[in-house]
């Protein structure tokens, strides 16, 4: 592992209408925009779906890091996350996330796998980051 702090960057370039290209070279670009619920397309990634999959991926990455340290052999791993978006007094926001993970391990390792899944949720960086408020810096006509 690299020493902390770690720094990450990602870019977005508007491509017209309500679509943008998300990039973080050298990774492949992702086409994004609003979901159908906000008059967008179901053919591009929405912030809502990206957030849900960030939770999925973070849970998996954290679990496999812990499993590796614990010497746990994982045969299969699948997860599905759902989120509920509601309008409340403070505006529109997610009010619930439900992460469902199914793993297959040796029968003797079931309890260890269960414990590691819960520990992974506790240490998932994305889940913990949802407690933070984002800062905003602007540049108009820059």
Foldseek 3Di string as FASTA:
>chain_A
DDDDDDDADKDWDDDDDFWIWIDGPPDDIFIEGDDVVVVDHPVGHYPQNVLQVLLVVLLVVQLVVVCVVVVFDWDDKDKDKDWDWDQDPVGIDTDDMDMDMDTDGPPVCPVVSVVSSVVSCVVRPSNVCVVDDDDDDDDPPD
